[in-house]
C-alpha atoms as a PDB file:
ATOM      1  CA  MET A   1      -0.435  -0.030  -0.088  1.00  0.00           C
ATOM      2  CA  ILE A   2       2.623   2.835   0.871  1.00  0.00           C
ATOM      3  CA  ASP A   3       5.118   1.421  -1.884  1.00  0.00           C
ATOM      4  CA  GLY A   4       1.949   2.386  -4.538  1.00  0.00           C
ATOM      5  CA  LEU A   5       1.834   5.719  -2.695  1.00  0.00           C
ATOM      6  CA  LYS A   6       5.119   5.938  -3.097  1.00  0.00           C
ATOM      7  CA  TYR A   7       4.660   4.934  -6.776  1.00  0.00           C
ATOM      8  CA  PHE A   8       1.774   7.687  -7.399  1.00  0.00           C
ATOM      9  CA  PHE A   9       3.496  10.212  -6.120  1.00  0.00           C
ATOM     10  CA  LEU A  10       6.736   9.325  -8.246  1.00  0.00           C
ATOM     11  CA  LYS A  11       4.783   8.770 -11.636  1.00  0.00           C
ATOM     12  CA  ALA A  12       2.544  12.291 -10.870  1.00  0.00           C
ATOM     13  CA  SER A  13       6.151  14.099 -10.078  1.00  0.00           C
ATOM     14  CA  TRP A  14       7.738  13.010 -13.546  1.00  0.00           C
ATOM     15  CA  ILE A  15       4.192  13.490 -15.145  1.00  0.00           C
ATOM     16  CA  LEU A  16       3.862  16.847 -14.031  1.00  0.00           C
ATOM     17  CA  LEU A  17       7.972  17.833 -14.828  1.00  0.00           C
ATOM     18  CA  SER A  18       7.588  16.183 -18.300  1.00  0.00           C
ATOM     19  CA  LEU A  19       4.389  18.619 -19.065  1.00  0.00           C
ATOM     20  CA  LEU A  20       7.171  20.843 -19.090  1.00  0.00           C
ATOM     21  CA  PRO A  21       7.943  22.137 -22.447  1.00  0.00           C
ATOM     22  CA  LEU A  22      11.554  21.588 -23.832  1.00  0.00           C
ATOM     23  CA  TRP A  23      12.912  25.279 -23.022  1.00  0.00           C
ATOM     24  CA  ILE A  24      11.619  24.953 -20.289  1.00  0.00           C
ATOM     25  CA  MET A  25      13.610  22.582 -19.005  1.00  0.00           C
ATOM     26  CA  TYR A  26      16.357  23.583 -20.421  1.00  0.00           C
ATOM     27  CA  ARG A  27      15.968  27.373 -18.673  1.00  0.00           C
ATOM     28  CA  LEU A  28      15.876  24.836 -14.710  1.00  0.00           C
ATOM     29  CA  SER A  29      18.741  22.040 -16.093  1.00  0.00           C
ATOM     30  CA  ASP A  30      21.123  25.798 -16.702  1.00  0.00           C
ATOM     31  CA  ALA A  31      20.081  26.522 -12.755  1.00  0.00           C
ATOM     32  CA  LEU A  32      20.876  23.439 -11.677  1.00  0.00           C
ATOM     33  CA  PHE A  33      24.026  22.993 -13.100  1.00  0.00           C
ATOM     34  CA  TYR A  34      25.150  25.654 -10.824  1.00  0.00           C
ATOM     35  CA  LEU A  35      23.693  23.748  -7.860  1.00  0.00           C
ATOM     36  CA  LEU A  36      25.389  20.072  -9.115  1.00  0.00           C
ATOM     37  CA  TYR A  37      28.967  21.744 -10.382  1.00  0.00           C
ATOM     38  CA  TYR A  38      29.494  24.907  -7.496  1.00  0.00           C
ATOM     39  CA  VAL A  39      28.345  23.373  -4.482  1.00  0.00           C
ATOM     40  CA  LEU A  40      27.305  19.912  -4.821  1.00  0.00           C
ATOM     41  CA  LYS A  41      30.473  19.637  -6.884  1.00  0.00           C
ATOM     42  CA  TYR A  42      29.249  16.443  -7.687  1.00  0.00           C
ATOM     43  CA  ARG A  43      31.678  13.183  -7.924  1.00  0.00           C
ATOM     44  CA  ARG A  44      33.560  15.603 -10.296  1.00  0.00           C
ATOM     45  CA  PRO A  45      36.757  14.126  -8.504  1.00  0.00           C
ATOM     46  CA  VAL A  46      35.703  10.887 -10.272  1.00  0.00           C
ATOM     47  CA  THR A  47      34.785  12.749 -13.913  1.00  0.00           C
ATOM     48  CA  ARG A  48      38.381  15.161 -13.477  1.00  0.00           C
ATOM     49  CA  LYS A  49      40.236  12.169 -12.930  1.00  0.00           C
ATOM     50  CA  ASN A  50      38.617  10.021 -15.972  1.00  0.00           C
ATOM     51  CA  LEU A  51      38.956  13.356 -18.669  1.00  0.00           C
ATOM     52  CA  SER A  52      43.166  13.754 -17.449  1.00  0.00           C
ATOM     53  CA  GLU A  53      44.189  10.385 -17.291  1.00  0.00           C
ATOM     54  CA  SER A  54      41.481   9.178 -21.171  1.00  0.00           C
ATOM     55  CA  PHE A  55      42.847  12.538 -22.059  1.00  0.00           C
ATOM     56  CA  PRO A  56      47.017  12.812 -20.828  1.00  0.00           C
ATOM     57  CA  GLU A  57      47.508  15.684 -24.309  1.00  0.00           C
ATOM     58  CA  LYS A  58      45.317  17.856 -23.352  1.00  0.00           C
ATOM     59  CA  SER A  59      45.517  20.833 -21.075  1.00  0.00           C
ATOM     60  CA  GLU A  60      44.201  21.375 -17.525  1.00  0.00           C
ATOM     61  CA  VAL A  61      42.305  24.463 -19.389  1.00  0.00           C
ATOM     62  CA  GLU A  62      41.070  22.514 -22.401  1.00  0.00           C
ATOM     63  CA  ILE A  63      40.476  19.385 -19.728  1.00  0.00           C
ATOM     64  CA  ALA A  64      37.856  21.998 -16.909  1.00  0.00           C
ATOM     65  CA  ARG A  65      36.085  23.354 -20.449  1.00  0.00           C
ATOM     66  CA  ILE A  66      35.405  19.255 -21.160  1.00  0.00           C
ATOM     67  CA  GLU A  67      34.455  18.685 -17.657  1.00  0.00           C
ATOM     68  CA  LYS A  68      31.627  22.031 -17.490  1.00  0.00           C
ATOM     69  CA  ARG A  69      30.383  20.784 -20.821  1.00  0.00           C
ATOM     70  CA  PHE A  70      29.645  17.113 -19.331  1.00  0.00           C
ATOM     71  CA  TYR A  71      27.927  18.648 -16.294  1.00  0.00           C
ATOM     72  CA  ARG A  72      25.560  20.389 -18.480  1.00  0.00           C
ATOM     73  CA  PHE A  73      24.780  17.704 -21.095  1.00  0.00           C
ATOM     74  CA  LEU A  74      24.443  15.380 -17.869  1.00  0.00           C
ATOM     75  CA  VAL A  75      21.872  18.052 -16.442  1.00  0.00           C
ATOM     76  CA  ASP A  76      20.367  18.139 -19.852  1.00  0.00           C
ATOM     77  CA  THR A  77      20.010  14.064 -20.110  1.00  0.00           C
ATOM     78  CA  PHE A  78      18.240  14.458 -16.664  1.00  0.00           C
ATOM     79  CA  PHE A  79      15.394  16.330 -18.541  1.00  0.00           C
ATOM     80  CA  GLU A  80      15.311  15.244 -21.985  1.00  0.00           C
ATOM     81  CA  THR A  81      14.716  11.317 -20.241  1.00  0.00           C
ATOM     82  CA  CYS A  82      12.187  12.619 -17.963  1.00  0.00           C
ATOM     83  CA  LYS A  83      10.642  14.634 -21.013  1.00  0.00           C
ATOM     84  CA  LEU A  84      10.365  10.857 -23.176  1.00  0.00           C
ATOM     85  CA  ALA A  85       7.555  10.031 -20.757  1.00  0.00           C
ATOM     86  CA  THR A  86       5.103  12.353 -22.905  1.00  0.00           C
ATOM     87  CA  LEU A  87       6.752  13.483 -25.828  1.00  0.00           C
ATOM     88  CA  SER A  88       4.913  12.767 -28.420  1.00  0.00           C
ATOM     89  CA  GLN A  89       6.013   9.990 -32.070  1.00  0.00           C
ATOM     90  CA  LYS A  90       6.713  13.116 -34.180  1.00  0.00           C
ATOM     91  CA  GLN A  91       8.057  15.401 -31.794  1.00  0.00           C
ATOM     92  CA  ILE A  92      10.606  12.676 -31.247  1.00  0.00           C
ATOM     93  CA  ARG A  93      11.096  12.087 -34.511  1.00  0.00           C
ATOM     94  CA  ARG A  94      11.790  15.635 -34.724  1.00  0.00           C
ATOM     95  CA  HIS A  95      14.488  16.203 -32.046  1.00  0.00           C
ATOM     96  CA  MET A  96      16.697  12.275 -32.678  1.00  0.00           C
ATOM     97  CA  LYS A  97      17.201  11.365 -35.983  1.00  0.00           C
ATOM     98  CA  PHE A  98      18.303   8.232 -37.993  1.00  0.00           C
ATOM     99  CA  ASN A  99      20.306   7.058 -40.636  1.00  0.00           C
ATOM    100  CA  ASN A 100      20.920   4.499 -43.195  1.00  0.00           C
ATOM    101  CA  LEU A 101      17.238   3.292 -41.687  1.00  0.00           C
ATOM    102  CA  GLU A 102      17.253   1.943 -45.358  1.00  0.00           C
ATOM    103  CA  GLU A 103      20.189  -0.834 -45.160  1.00  0.00           C
ATOM    104  CA  VAL A 104      18.865  -1.703 -41.627  1.00  0.00           C
ATOM    105  CA  ASN A 105      15.198  -2.399 -42.543  1.00  0.00           C
ATOM    106  CA  ALA A 106      16.912  -4.630 -45.452  1.00  0.00           C
ATOM    107  CA  ASP A 107      18.716  -6.691 -43.396  1.00  0.00           C
ATOM    108  CA  LEU A 108      15.541  -6.897 -41.339  1.00  0.00           C
ATOM    109  CA  ASN A 109      12.901  -7.297 -43.817  1.00  0.00           C
ATOM    110  CA  ASN A 110      15.483  -9.927 -45.052  1.00  0.00           C
ATOM    111  CA  GLY A 111      15.314 -12.245 -42.389  1.00  0.00           C
ATOM    112  CA  LYS A 112      18.001 -11.349 -40.414  1.00  0.00           C
ATOM    113  CA  SER A 113      17.719 -10.032 -36.526  1.00  0.00           C
ATOM    114  CA  ILE A 114      20.015  -7.339 -35.582  1.00  0.00           C
ATOM    115  CA  SER A 115      22.739  -6.688 -32.526  1.00  0.00           C
ATOM    116  CA  LEU A 116      22.606  -3.128 -32.606  1.00  0.00           C
ATOM    117  CA  TYR A 117      26.060  -1.992 -29.425  1.00  0.00           C
ATOM    118  CA  VAL A 118      25.861   1.514 -28.334  1.00  0.00           C
ATOM    119  CA  GLY A 119      27.897   3.000 -25.419  1.00  0.00           C
ATOM    120  CA  HIS A 120      27.078   5.463 -22.615  1.00  0.00           C
ATOM    121  CA  TYR A 121      27.364   8.822 -24.904  1.00  0.00           C
ATOM    122  CA  GLY A 122      24.368  10.786 -25.927  1.00  0.00           C
ATOM    123  CA  SER A 123      20.806  11.593 -24.640  1.00  0.00           C
ATOM    124  CA  TRP A 124      21.120   7.390 -24.886  1.00  0.00           C
ATOM    125  CA  GLU A 125      17.004   6.941 -23.603  1.00  0.00           C
ATOM    126  CA  TRP A 126      16.483   8.695 -26.648  1.00  0.00           C
ATOM    127  CA  TYR A 127      17.902   5.881 -28.676  1.00  0.00           C
ATOM    128  CA  SER A 128      14.813   3.534 -27.723  1.00  0.00           C
ATOM    129  CA  SER A 129      12.666   5.984 -30.681  1.00  0.00           C
ATOM    130  CA  MET A 130      14.287   4.480 -33.806  1.00  0.00           C
ATOM    131  CA  THR A 131      11.920   1.158 -32.979  1.00  0.00           C
ATOM    132  CA  LEU A 132       9.347   4.021 -34.748  1.00  0.00           C
ATOM    133  CA  HIS A 133      11.190   2.687 -38.055  1.00  0.00           C
ATOM    134  CA  PHE A 134      11.519  -0.415 -38.232  1.00  0.00           C
ATOM    135  CA  PRO A 135       9.389  -3.200 -39.457  1.00  0.00           C
ATOM    136  CA  PRO A 136       6.003  -4.367 -37.377  1.00  0.00           C
ATOM    137  CA  GLN A 137       6.767  -7.493 -37.971  1.00  0.00           C
ATOM    138  CA  ILE A 138      10.427  -7.878 -35.798  1.00  0.00           C
ATOM    139  CA  ALA A 139      10.610  -8.559 -32.179  1.00  0.00           C
ATOM    140  CA  ARG A 140      12.799  -5.472 -31.095  1.00  0.00           C
ATOM    141  CA  GLY A 141      14.338  -5.072 -27.268  1.00  0.00           C
ATOM    142  CA  GLN A 142      17.265  -3.341 -25.752  1.00  0.00           C
ATOM    143  CA  VAL A 143      18.980  -4.892 -22.973  1.00  0.00           C
ATOM    144  CA  TYR A 144      18.906  -2.741 -19.284  1.00  0.00           C
ATOM    145  CA  GLN A 145      20.024  -4.141 -15.987  1.00  0.00           C
ATOM    146  CA  ARG A 146      18.212  -3.711 -12.935  1.00  0.00           C
ATOM    147  CA  LEU A 147      18.363  -0.223 -10.933  1.00  0.00           C
ATOM    148  CA  HIS A 148      18.459  -0.832  -6.569  1.00  0.00           C
ATOM    149  CA  ASN A 149      15.648   1.341  -6.484  1.00  0.00           C
ATOM    150  CA  SER A 150      12.447  -0.576  -7.468  1.00  0.00           C
ATOM    151  CA  LEU A 151      10.216   2.309  -7.745  1.00  0.00           C
ATOM    152  CA  VAL A 152      13.183   4.381  -9.953  1.00  0.00           C
ATOM    153  CA  ASP A 153      13.336   0.370 -12.319  1.00  0.00           C
ATOM    154  CA  LYS A 154       9.252   0.754 -12.468  1.00  0.00           C
ATOM    155  CA  LEU A 155       9.532   4.591 -14.178  1.00  0.00           C
ATOM    156  CA  MET A 156      12.676   3.510 -16.012  1.00  0.00           C
ATOM    157  CA  GLN A 157      11.497   0.344 -17.653  1.00  0.00           C
ATOM    158  CA  GLU A 158       7.116   2.692 -17.943  1.00  0.00           C
ATOM    159  CA  ASN A 159       9.364   5.221 -19.924  1.00  0.00           C
ATOM    160  CA  ARG A 160      11.914   3.192 -21.920  1.00  0.00           C
ATOM    161  CA  ARG A 161       8.378   1.071 -22.863  1.00  0.00           C
ATOM    162  CA  ARG A 162       6.778   3.831 -24.236  1.00  0.00           C
ATOM    163  CA  LEU A 163       7.592   3.687 -27.721  1.00  0.00           C
ATOM    164  CA  GLY A 164       8.004   0.182 -28.874  1.00  0.00           C
ATOM    165  CA  ALA A 165      10.673  -2.014 -27.627  1.00  0.00           C
ATOM    166  CA  GLU A 166      11.082  -4.360 -24.744  1.00  0.00           C
ATOM    167  CA  ASN A 167      12.648  -4.220 -21.835  1.00  0.00           C
ATOM    168  CA  VAL A 168      15.612  -7.444 -21.712  1.00  0.00           C
ATOM    169  CA  GLU A 169      16.971  -7.903 -18.789  1.00  0.00           C
ATOM    170  CA  MET A 170      20.562  -9.079 -19.008  1.00  0.00           C
ATOM    171  CA  HIS A 171      20.563 -12.515 -17.723  1.00  0.00           C
ATOM    172  CA  ASP A 172      16.922 -13.549 -20.090  1.00  0.00           C
ATOM    173  CA  THR A 173      19.381 -12.182 -22.760  1.00  0.00           C
ATOM    174  CA  LEU A 174      19.411 -15.049 -24.044  1.00  0.00           C
ATOM    175  CA  ARG A 175      17.208 -16.985 -22.930  1.00  0.00           C
ATOM    176  CA  TRP A 176      14.993 -13.938 -25.090  1.00  0.00           C
ATOM    177  CA  ILE A 177      17.084 -14.137 -27.629  1.00  0.00           C
ATOM    178  CA  HIS A 178      16.553 -17.752 -27.779  1.00  0.00           C
ATOM    179  CA  LYS A 179      13.481 -17.975 -27.673  1.00  0.00           C
ATOM    180  CA  LEU A 180      12.688 -15.858 -30.532  1.00  0.00           C
ATOM    181  CA  HIS A 181      14.748 -17.926 -32.755  1.00  0.00           C
ATOM    182  CA  GLN A 182      13.514 -21.147 -32.362  1.00  0.00           C
ATOM    183  CA  GLN A 183      10.376 -19.652 -33.553  1.00  0.00           C
ATOM    184  CA  GLY A 184      12.370 -18.705 -36.575  1.00  0.00           C
ATOM    185  CA  THR A 185      11.423 -14.147 -35.463  1.00  0.00           C
ATOM    186  CA  THR A 186      13.821 -11.865 -36.136  1.00  0.00           C
ATOM    187  CA  SER A 187      14.434  -9.538 -33.614  1.00  0.00           C
ATOM    188  CA  PHE A 188      16.446  -6.267 -32.842  1.00  0.00           C
ATOM    189  CA  LEU A 189      18.613  -5.750 -30.307  1.00  0.00           C
ATOM    190  CA  GLY A 190      20.248  -2.555 -28.284  1.00  0.00           C
ATOM    191  CA  TYR A 191      23.315  -3.220 -25.684  1.00  0.00           C
ATOM    192  CA  ILE A 192      24.871  -0.781 -23.638  1.00  0.00           C
ATOM    193  CA  ALA A 193      27.760  -2.592 -23.864  1.00  0.00           C
ATOM    194  CA  ASP A 194      30.516  -0.451 -22.248  1.00  0.00           C
ATOM    195  CA  GLN A 195      29.696  -2.038 -18.731  1.00  0.00           C
ATOM    196  CA  SER A 196      32.653  -2.943 -16.513  1.00  0.00           C
ATOM    197  CA  PRO A 197      32.755  -6.743 -15.952  1.00  0.00           C
ATOM    198  CA  SER A 198      32.552  -7.751 -12.180  1.00  0.00           C
ATOM    199  CA  ARG A 199      36.335  -9.308 -11.471  1.00  0.00           C
ATOM    200  CA  HIS A 200      35.119 -13.144 -12.050  1.00  0.00           C
ATOM    201  CA  GLN A 201      33.455 -12.199 -15.525  1.00  0.00           C
ATOM    202  CA  ILE A 202      35.851 -10.579 -16.944  1.00  0.00           C
ATOM    203  CA  GLN A 203      37.278 -12.428 -19.843  1.00  0.00           C
ATOM    204  CA  HIS A 204      38.973  -9.482 -22.083  1.00  0.00           C
ATOM    205  CA  TYR A 205      40.697  -6.305 -21.718  1.00  0.00           C
ATOM    206  CA  VAL A 206      40.774  -3.945 -24.226  1.00  0.00           C
ATOM    207  CA  GLN A 207      42.555  -0.428 -25.113  1.00  0.00           C
ATOM    208  CA  PHE A 208      40.171   2.192 -24.650  1.00  0.00           C
ATOM    209  CA  LEU A 209      41.343   6.080 -24.205  1.00  0.00           C
ATOM    210  CA  ASN A 210      44.517   5.543 -22.776  1.00  0.00           C
ATOM    211  CA  HIS A 211      43.663   2.400 -20.857  1.00  0.00           C
ATOM    212  CA  TYR A 212      43.523  -1.379 -20.609  1.00  0.00           C
ATOM    213  CA  VAL A 213      40.297  -1.881 -19.654  1.00  0.00           C
ATOM    214  CA  PRO A 214      37.921  -5.596 -19.177  1.00  0.00           C
ATOM    215  CA  ALA A 215      35.145  -5.673 -21.838  1.00  0.00           C
ATOM    216  CA  LEU A 216      32.005  -7.690 -21.534  1.00  0.00           C
ATOM    217  CA  THR A 217      31.763 -10.063 -24.358  1.00  0.00           C
ATOM    218  CA  GLY A 218      28.249 -11.437 -24.551  1.00  0.00           C
ATOM    219  CA  THR A 219      27.323  -9.238 -27.145  1.00  0.00           C
ATOM    220  CA  GLU A 220      30.254 -10.565 -29.666  1.00  0.00           C
ATOM    221  CA  LYS A 221      28.960 -13.820 -28.329  1.00  0.00           C
ATOM    222  CA  ILE A 222      25.359 -13.164 -29.053  1.00  0.00           C
ATOM    223  CA  THR A 223      25.737 -11.713 -32.064  1.00  0.00           C
ATOM    224  CA  LYS A 224      28.240 -14.943 -33.449  1.00  0.00           C
ATOM    225  CA  LYS A 225      25.973 -17.741 -31.652  1.00  0.00           C
ATOM    226  CA  TYR A 226      23.270 -16.817 -33.921  1.00  0.00           C
ATOM    227  CA  GLY A 227      24.392 -15.734 -36.858  1.00  0.00           C
ATOM    228  CA  PHE A 228      23.024 -12.063 -36.361  1.00  0.00           C
ATOM    229  CA  GLU A 229      24.014  -8.853 -38.752  1.00  0.00           C
ATOM    230  CA  VAL A 230      26.180  -6.609 -35.709  1.00  0.00           C
ATOM    231  CA  TYR A 231      25.777  -2.195 -36.620  1.00  0.00           C
ATOM    232  CA  TYR A 232      27.053   0.504 -33.748  1.00  0.00           C
ATOM    233  CA  LEU A 233      25.158   3.708 -33.320  1.00  0.00           C
ATOM    234  CA  ASP A 234      27.516   6.497 -33.836  1.00  0.00           C
ATOM    235  CA  VAL A 235      25.709   9.245 -32.564  1.00  0.00           C
ATOM    236  CA  LYS A 236      26.465  13.668 -32.602  1.00  0.00           C
ATOM    237  CA  ARG A 237      24.290  15.870 -30.782  1.00  0.00           C
ATOM    238  CA  MET A 238      23.497  19.108 -33.930  1.00  0.00           C
ATOM    239  CA  LYS A 239      22.274  21.866 -30.590  1.00  0.00           C
ATOM    240  CA  ARG A 240      21.027  21.700 -26.856  1.00  0.00           C
ATOM    241  CA  GLY A 241      17.621  19.318 -27.864  1.00  0.00           C
ATOM    242  CA  TYR A 242      18.523  16.999 -31.309  1.00  0.00           C
ATOM    243  CA  TYR A 243      20.236  14.423 -32.259  1.00  0.00           C
ATOM    244  CA  GLU A 244      21.510  12.460 -34.874  1.00  0.00           C
ATOM    245  CA  ALA A 245      22.549   8.833 -35.318  1.00  0.00           C
ATOM    246  CA  THR A 246      24.270   7.109 -38.189  1.00  0.00           C
ATOM    247  CA  PHE A 247      23.582   2.926 -38.531  1.00  0.00           C
ATOM    248  CA  VAL A 248      26.704   2.282 -38.495  1.00  0.00           C
ATOM    249  CA  LYS A 249      27.434  -1.882 -40.510  1.00  0.00           C
ATOM    250  CA  MET A 250      30.761  -2.912 -37.627  1.00  0.00           C
ATOM    251  CA  HIS A 251      31.040  -6.360 -40.356  1.00  0.00           C
ATOM    252  CA  GLU A 252      30.212  -8.092 -43.650  1.00  0.00           C
ATOM    253  CA  HIS A 253      30.724 -11.257 -41.481  1.00  0.00           C
ATOM    254  CA  PRO A 254      31.133 -11.214 -38.190  1.00  0.00           C
ATOM    255  CA  GLN A 255      31.421 -15.108 -37.114  1.00  0.00           C
ATOM    256  CA  THR A 256      34.332 -15.116 -39.599  1.00  0.00           C
ATOM    257  CA  LEU A 257      36.099 -12.794 -37.480  1.00  0.00           C
ATOM    258  CA  PRO A 258      38.837 -14.147 -34.868  1.00  0.00           C
ATOM    259  CA  ASN A 259      37.562 -14.493 -30.847  1.00  0.00           C
ATOM    260  CA  PHE A 260      36.342 -11.008 -29.469  1.00  0.00           C
ATOM    261  CA  GLN A 261      37.577  -8.729 -32.161  1.00  0.00           C
ATOM    262  CA  LEU A 262      34.275  -7.305 -32.673  1.00  0.00           C
ATOM    263  CA  THR A 263      33.906  -6.787 -29.024  1.00  0.00           C
ATOM    264  CA  ASP A 264      37.577  -4.897 -29.677  1.00  0.00           C
ATOM    265  CA  LEU A 265      35.708  -3.154 -32.798  1.00  0.00           C
ATOM    266  CA  PHE A 266      33.071  -1.623 -31.083  1.00  0.00           C
ATOM    267  CA  TYR A 267      35.224  -0.046 -28.838  1.00  0.00           C
ATOM    268  CA  LEU A 268      37.468   1.459 -31.419  1.00  0.00           C
ATOM    269  CA  TYR A 269      34.466   3.011 -32.997  1.00  0.00           C
ATOM    270  CA  LEU A 270      32.770   4.041 -29.117  1.00  0.00           C
ATOM    271  CA  GLU A 271      36.183   6.111 -28.903  1.00  0.00           C
ATOM    272  CA  LYS A 272      36.448   8.278 -32.341  1.00  0.00           C
ATOM    273  CA  SER A 273      32.254   8.895 -31.537  1.00  0.00           C
ATOM    274  CA  ILE A 274      34.149  10.301 -27.977  1.00  0.00           C
ATOM    275  CA  ARG A 275      36.820  12.244 -28.942  1.00  0.00           C
ATOM    276  CA  GLN A 276      34.352  14.571 -31.000  1.00  0.00           C
ATOM    277  CA  GLN A 277      32.402  15.149 -28.639  1.00  0.00           C
ATOM    278  CA  PRO A 278      33.774  14.303 -24.905  1.00  0.00           C
ATOM    279  CA  GLU A 279      31.238  15.744 -23.314  1.00  0.00           C
ATOM    280  CA  LEU A 280      28.794  14.098 -24.434  1.00  0.00           C
ATOM    281  CA  TYR A 281      30.119  10.542 -23.166  1.00  0.00           C
ATOM    282  CA  LEU A 282      28.784   9.273 -18.930  1.00  0.00           C
ATOM    283  CA  TRP A 283      32.051  10.185 -17.099  1.00  0.00           C
ATOM    284  CA  THR A 284      30.970  10.569 -13.373  1.00  0.00           C
ATOM    285  CA  HIS A 285      31.642   6.246 -13.159  1.00  0.00           C
ATOM    286  CA  LYS A 286      34.059   4.420 -12.057  1.00  0.00           C
ATOM    287  CA  ARG A 287      34.894   3.265 -15.240  1.00  0.00           C
ATOM    288  CA  PHE A 288      38.694   2.393 -15.362  1.00  0.00           C
ATOM    289  CA  LYS A 289      38.633   0.523 -11.974  1.00  0.00           C
ATOM    290  CA  PHE A 290      39.490  -2.790 -13.019  1.00  0.00           C
ATOM    291  CA  ALA A 291      42.166  -1.015 -15.402  1.00  0.00           C
ATOM    292  CA  LYS A 292      45.196  -2.445 -15.388  1.00  0.00           C
END
């Protein structure tokens, strides 16, 4: 009963906030940036350490400039995530554009399932709108990790499936894929694949942003096991609230690649994206805690 009331007020507040026009949200974001950056100093030591180690060729002034742009963007993404709760299909299509859909849809229409590599880069909650552009007969999903707070987790799951994608919990990924494969159903599944594995899961390290880091390899294993096509989503922020994402086919025959080469290729693509607009990456997390 109490949890039900808590969730009601949480969702009501979320919806009311999402009804604000984006331009007002961005004014609120400007104000919240100063609180987060200058007063609370939210994870600034972690962020500065990550940036300095990742870009040793940049001066302290350049690092500080990227850091401030990142925190401004971080607050923007909170409001953009909230806005997703009430954005219409017409509105999200205007704010989130996708390139090379012709190649992706040709694969799907030919019965070829797809694995999509994505990083913690850009306003990734808006990426779920890509499903609006796919053939209606395919199964579409996005892998997620359950949040510690069950009420927030429920809210975020509802937010993410508004536009037609199914939330697939990470430990259920293989079961979800195998069931559809057995049924002969074509699928499209997106993976935010730059997360750190736990120590006992480490099988492979990659060069990434001046670090030698452990990498999750599950996406590669599933892609090769089931003969899927594989793409990377290269995202650019054109201006505040407007993004353009390009589907890049990572390899014509991923099953022929040596073990872990597909994972290495993803990190090469992701680093290239980050170097173009470093403020769009999520720097507040200890991404390099298991780095060699």
